[in-house]
Protein backbone atom coordinates (compact mmCIF):
# COMPACT_ATOMS: atom_id res chain seq x y z
CA MET A 1 87.63 82.74 124.10
CA ASP A 2 88.13 86.27 122.47
CA HIS A 3 85.56 88.91 122.09
CA GLN A 4 84.45 91.46 119.67
CA ALA A 5 82.20 94.52 119.80
CA LYS A 6 79.34 94.97 117.11
CA VAL A 7 78.66 98.83 116.87
CA ILE A 8 75.69 99.85 114.86
CA LEU A 9 75.09 103.34 113.97
CA THR A 10 71.80 104.35 112.75
CA ALA A 11 71.26 107.76 111.05
CA LEU A 12 68.58 110.03 112.75
CA ASN A 13 68.85 112.72 110.23
CA GLY A 14 70.85 113.88 107.01
CA ASP A 15 70.64 112.76 103.59
CA LEU A 16 73.13 109.84 104.13
CA SER A 17 73.20 107.29 101.34
CA ILE A 18 73.90 104.47 103.77
CA ALA A 19 71.50 105.06 106.72
CA GLU A 20 73.01 102.13 108.81
CA ARG A 21 76.64 101.34 109.48
CA THR A 22 77.92 98.03 111.33
CA LEU A 23 81.19 98.38 112.70
CA THR A 24 82.92 95.27 114.00
CA LEU A 25 85.85 95.80 116.49
CA THR A 26 88.25 93.02 117.79
CA ALA A 27 91.17 93.04 120.04
CA LYS A 28 93.47 92.99 116.92
CA ASP A 29 91.45 95.56 115.13
CA ASN A 30 90.00 97.59 117.94
CA ALA A 31 89.51 100.96 116.44
CA VAL A 32 87.69 102.56 113.65
CA PRO A 33 88.36 106.07 112.13
CA VAL A 34 85.26 108.25 111.62
CA GLY A 35 85.28 111.05 109.21
CA ARG A 36 84.38 112.46 105.89
CA ALA A 37 84.53 110.31 102.78
CA SER A 38 86.42 111.33 99.76
CA LYS A 39 84.85 111.37 96.29
CA SER A 40 88.00 109.94 94.96
CA VAL A 41 87.95 106.11 94.60
CA THR A 42 91.73 106.06 94.57
CA LYS A 43 91.92 107.45 98.29
CA GLY A 44 90.22 104.57 99.54
CA ILE A 45 88.03 106.24 102.07
CA LEU A 46 84.47 105.62 100.57
CA GLY A 47 81.56 105.05 102.67
CA ALA A 48 80.19 101.56 103.02
CA VAL A 49 78.03 99.69 105.47
CA ASP A 50 81.01 98.29 107.26
CA ASN A 51 82.82 101.55 107.94
CA ALA A 52 82.36 105.26 109.44
CA TRP A 53 83.36 107.30 106.25
CA PHE A 54 80.46 109.74 105.70
CA ASP A 55 79.61 111.93 102.77
CA SER A 56 79.06 115.15 104.72
CA PRO A 57 80.70 118.49 104.57
CA VAL A 58 80.18 119.12 108.24
CA MET A 59 82.64 116.31 109.26
CA SER A 60 86.29 116.68 109.22
CA ARG A 61 88.34 114.08 107.35
CA ASN A 62 89.78 112.69 110.45
CA HIS A 63 86.86 113.53 112.77
CA ALA A 64 86.81 110.89 115.57
CA THR A 65 87.68 107.14 116.58
CA ILE A 66 85.47 104.49 117.97
CA GLU A 67 87.56 101.90 119.96
CA PHE A 68 86.75 98.73 121.78
CA ASN A 69 88.66 97.84 124.83
CA PRO A 70 88.64 94.13 125.37
CA GLU A 71 90.16 94.32 128.74
CA ASP A 72 87.29 96.17 130.30
CA MET A 73 84.69 95.27 127.63
CA THR A 74 84.00 99.08 126.67
CA VAL A 75 83.43 101.01 123.53
CA THR A 76 84.56 104.35 123.29
CA ILE A 77 84.34 107.35 121.22
CA GLN A 78 86.99 110.22 120.96
CA ASP A 79 86.93 113.44 118.94
CA ILE A 80 90.50 113.72 117.17
CA GLY A 81 90.41 117.51 116.65
CA SER A 82 87.57 117.89 114.50
CA MET A 83 86.52 121.45 113.15
CA HIS A 84 82.91 121.18 114.28
CA GLY A 85 83.08 118.80 117.27
CA THR A 86 81.32 115.65 118.43
CA HIS A 87 78.59 115.43 120.84
CA LEU A 88 77.41 112.57 122.89
CA ASN A 89 73.80 112.73 124.47
CA ASN A 90 73.85 116.72 123.87
CA PHE A 91 77.15 117.17 125.56
CA GLU A 92 80.34 118.29 123.35
CA LEU A 93 83.11 115.82 123.74
CA PRO A 94 86.58 117.16 124.92
CA ARG A 95 89.08 116.48 122.35
CA ASP A 96 91.45 113.49 122.54
CA THR A 97 89.61 112.03 125.50
CA PRO A 98 87.95 108.65 125.14
CA THR A 99 84.58 108.60 126.45
CA VAL A 100 82.53 105.47 127.08
CA ILE A 101 79.32 104.83 124.84
CA THR A 102 76.52 102.88 125.95
CA ASP A 103 73.65 100.99 123.87
CA GLY A 104 71.09 103.61 123.11
CA ASP A 105 73.46 106.78 123.04
CA VAL A 106 72.89 109.48 120.52
CA VAL A 107 76.13 110.73 118.81
CA VAL A 108 76.24 113.87 116.58
CA PHE A 109 79.29 114.59 114.50
CA GLY A 110 79.70 118.20 113.43
CA ALA A 111 77.42 121.05 113.70
CA GLU A 112 74.75 122.69 111.17
CA VAL A 113 76.65 124.59 108.53
CA ARG A 114 75.23 127.20 106.32
CA ARG A 115 76.91 128.28 102.88
CA GLY A 116 75.07 130.82 101.13
CA PRO A 117 71.49 129.49 100.53
CA GLU A 118 72.41 125.89 101.29
CA THR A 119 72.20 124.37 104.91
CA PHE A 120 74.12 121.24 105.79
CA PRO A 121 72.83 119.48 108.96
CA ALA A 122 74.91 117.66 111.66
CA CYS A 123 75.30 113.95 111.17
CA SER A 124 73.25 112.34 114.11
CA PHE A 125 73.24 108.80 114.89
CA ARG A 126 71.71 106.26 117.56
CA VAL A 127 74.35 104.03 118.77
CA ASN A 128 73.63 100.35 119.49
CA HIS A 129 76.35 97.89 120.45
CA LYS A 130 76.92 94.48 121.87
CA ILE A 131 79.86 92.53 123.05
CA VAL A 132 79.88 88.91 121.75
CA SER A 133 82.33 85.97 122.09
CA TYR A 134 84.02 84.34 119.02
CA LYS A 135 86.71 81.91 118.26
C-alpha cells in the first residue's frame, strides 16, 4: 500500500483570489513548486485550488518547494533562493535546506514590500496536512 500527503494551505492574510489550496503529493509526484503565478495563460503557471502558484508581487517566480518523503512520512518545505525569503513559525528558513513542516505550522512567503504609495503584504498561510494510504 502506498501513501500520499494532502497538504492544505489556508491564507491568513493578503488579497488572494483562492484562499485555500489543496496539494496532493505521492511517491511518484512528491514535490510541488511554490511561487508567483504568471498573468500569461501560455506560460501555464496560473494559480488554482490544486497548486501553489500565487498572484503576489512579493513572491519570487521560483520561491520554494513543498515535498513529501514517503520513506519517513514527512513533508518538508525548502526556500530555493527567493528574493524576500520564506519563514516558518516566525523563523527564516535557510536557503536550499529542507525543513519538516507539521500540522498547524504557519508559513510566510516573501516580506511586505512598499512601492510608492502601495504596500504589498507577505503571503501567510496555515499549513494542515495528513498522510493517507491509497491504492
